[in-house]
């Protein structure tokens, strides 16, 4: 391989991306708290930020970081027996992080909000991320339509 090809691959690995997935959670209570504590402990060293949205046994998780670090973490998450029924909703290059202040924020939402956020993420609408970020910053939800 030429040096320029190697440099190109390295540049792709360093591209900032956002990955959003939905999965069935097979844990609750203390197990959920332990999972979140692990994220908070490990994500800073991996350069990962994001949010874990929880609703009645379902997760919607946003992971942000370099392509290399997010892909490596997602492989670990996919193999984790505490999840099932994975659906990748969004994988996109981003110019900056939506959740730069959180190594892993956590929000519990109702069914309507969960489905709305998942639908926006599936259709690659940035609105879902700004609605979540606004909630984390200001402590209240705004309608995603305005």
Protein backbone atom coordinates (compact mmCIF):
# COMPACT_ATOMS: atom_id res chain seq x y z
CA UNK A 1 0.00 0.00 0.00
CA UNK A 2 1.16 3.49 -0.71
CA UNK A 3 1.59 6.06 2.04
CA UNK A 4 -1.20 8.20 0.58
CA UNK A 5 -3.60 5.23 0.60
CA UNK A 6 -2.68 4.47 4.22
CA UNK A 7 -3.22 8.15 5.06
CA UNK A 8 -6.64 8.04 3.38
CA UNK A 9 -7.69 5.01 5.44
CA UNK A 10 -6.47 6.68 8.62
CA UNK A 11 -8.43 9.82 7.71
CA UNK A 12 -11.61 7.75 7.29
CA UNK A 13 -11.04 6.11 10.69
CA UNK A 14 -10.71 9.59 12.22
CA UNK A 15 -13.89 10.94 10.58
CA UNK A 16 -16.40 12.08 13.22
CA UNK A 17 -19.59 10.02 12.96
CA UNK A 18 -22.91 9.61 14.72
CA UNK A 19 -24.49 6.17 15.02
CA UNK A 20 -28.06 5.69 16.28
CA UNK A 21 -29.55 2.28 16.96
CA UNK A 22 -32.60 0.80 18.64
CA UNK A 23 -32.52 -2.43 20.61
CA UNK A 24 -34.58 -4.47 23.02
CA UNK A 25 -33.18 -4.14 26.54
CA UNK A 26 -33.03 -7.34 28.51
CA UNK A 27 -32.12 -5.57 31.77
CA UNK A 28 -33.70 -3.19 34.26
CA UNK A 29 -33.14 -1.51 37.60
CA UNK A 30 -29.70 -2.16 39.10
CA UNK A 31 -28.46 -3.82 35.90
CA UNK A 32 -29.39 -0.70 33.91
CA UNK A 33 -27.59 1.48 36.46
CA UNK A 34 -24.48 -0.75 36.18
CA UNK A 35 -24.58 -0.53 32.37
CA UNK A 36 -24.77 3.25 32.52
CA UNK A 37 -21.93 3.39 35.06
CA UNK A 38 -19.78 1.31 32.68
CA UNK A 39 -20.53 3.72 29.82
CA UNK A 40 -19.65 6.72 31.99
CA UNK A 41 -16.39 5.08 33.05
CA UNK A 42 -15.24 3.77 29.64
CA UNK A 43 -16.52 6.25 27.06
CA UNK A 44 -14.20 9.19 27.85
CA UNK A 45 -11.13 7.01 27.17
CA UNK A 46 -12.65 5.91 23.87
CA UNK A 47 -13.54 9.46 22.85
CA UNK A 48 -17.25 8.51 22.76
CA UNK A 49 -20.12 10.83 23.63
CA UNK A 50 -23.84 10.29 23.37
CA UNK A 51 -27.14 9.53 25.00
CA UNK A 52 -29.08 6.41 25.96
CA UNK A 53 -32.85 6.85 25.66
CA UNK A 54 -34.86 4.22 27.54
CA UNK A 55 -38.53 3.24 27.23
CA UNK A 56 -40.20 0.13 28.69
CA UNK A 57 -37.57 -2.38 27.69
CA UNK A 58 -36.26 -0.57 24.62
CA UNK A 59 -33.09 1.43 24.06
CA UNK A 60 -32.41 4.14 21.52
CA UNK A 61 -28.73 5.00 21.74
CA UNK A 62 -26.72 7.74 20.06
CA UNK A 63 -22.96 7.21 19.86
CA UNK A 64 -20.59 9.90 18.61
CA UNK A 65 -16.86 9.76 18.00
CA UNK A 66 -14.36 8.79 15.36
CA UNK A 67 -15.47 6.11 12.93
CA UNK A 68 -12.87 3.74 14.34
CA UNK A 69 -13.94 4.18 17.97
CA UNK A 70 -17.70 4.14 17.32
CA UNK A 71 -17.47 1.05 15.09
CA UNK A 72 -15.34 -0.78 17.66
CA UNK A 73 -17.79 0.05 20.46
CA UNK A 74 -20.82 -0.89 18.37
CA UNK A 75 -19.33 -4.36 17.75
CA UNK A 76 -19.02 -4.80 21.52
CA UNK A 77 -22.60 -3.61 22.06
CA UNK A 78 -23.98 -5.93 19.36
CA UNK A 79 -22.32 -8.91 21.09
CA UNK A 80 -23.62 -7.89 24.53
CA UNK A 81 -26.29 -10.37 25.74
CA UNK A 82 -28.13 -7.54 27.54
CA UNK A 83 -29.53 -6.40 24.15
CA UNK A 84 -31.44 -8.02 21.31
CA UNK A 85 -33.43 -7.01 18.22
CA UNK A 86 -30.91 -4.45 16.98
CA UNK A 87 -31.92 -1.99 14.29
CA UNK A 88 -29.38 0.49 12.95
CA UNK A 89 -31.34 3.72 12.47
CA UNK A 90 -28.63 6.13 11.42
CA UNK A 91 -24.93 6.18 10.59
CA UNK A 92 -23.68 9.48 9.30
CA UNK A 93 -20.61 11.69 9.18
CA UNK A 94 -21.08 14.80 11.30
CA UNK A 95 -19.20 18.10 11.40
CA UNK A 96 -19.50 18.35 15.21
CA UNK A 97 -20.96 16.41 18.12
CA UNK A 98 -24.52 16.95 19.31
CA UNK A 99 -23.73 15.50 22.76
CA UNK A 100 -20.20 16.74 23.40
CA UNK A 101 -20.98 17.46 27.07
CA UNK A 102 -22.07 13.91 27.89
CA UNK A 103 -19.93 10.77 27.88
CA UNK A 104 -23.34 9.06 28.10
CA UNK A 105 -26.46 10.89 29.13
CA UNK A 106 -29.52 8.85 30.08
CA UNK A 107 -33.19 9.72 29.55
CA UNK A 108 -36.35 7.71 30.19
CA UNK A 109 -39.24 8.68 27.92
CA UNK A 110 -42.82 7.67 27.21
CA UNK A 111 -43.85 5.56 24.20
CA UNK A 112 -44.91 8.50 22.03
CA UNK A 113 -41.61 10.33 22.53
CA UNK A 114 -39.56 7.16 21.98
CA UNK A 115 -41.32 6.37 18.70
CA UNK A 116 -41.04 9.99 17.55
CA UNK A 117 -37.29 10.11 18.24
CA UNK A 118 -36.69 6.73 16.58
CA UNK A 119 -38.71 7.77 13.52
CA UNK A 120 -36.75 11.02 13.15
CA UNK A 121 -33.44 9.17 13.49
CA UNK A 122 -34.51 6.51 10.97
CA UNK A 123 -35.35 9.19 8.42
CA UNK A 124 -32.00 10.94 9.07
CA UNK A 125 -33.68 14.02 10.46
CA UNK A 126 -31.35 16.07 12.66
CA UNK A 127 -34.39 17.35 14.56
CA UNK A 128 -34.41 14.34 16.90
CA UNK A 129 -30.89 15.06 18.07
CA UNK A 130 -31.62 18.73 18.72
CA UNK A 131 -34.81 17.84 20.66
CA UNK A 132 -32.84 15.43 22.87
CA UNK A 133 -29.98 17.92 23.33
CA UNK A 134 -32.45 20.68 24.26
CA UNK A 135 -34.03 18.40 26.88
CA UNK A 136 -30.61 17.61 28.36
CA UNK A 137 -29.70 21.31 28.46
CA UNK A 138 -33.00 22.85 29.56
CA UNK A 139 -34.85 20.01 31.30
CA UNK A 140 -38.05 20.18 29.26
CA UNK A 141 -39.26 18.78 25.97
CA UNK A 142 -40.20 20.91 23.04
CA UNK A 143 -42.31 19.63 20.20
CA UNK A 144 -40.09 18.44 17.39
CA UNK A 145 -42.16 20.44 14.92
CA UNK A 146 -41.36 23.79 16.45
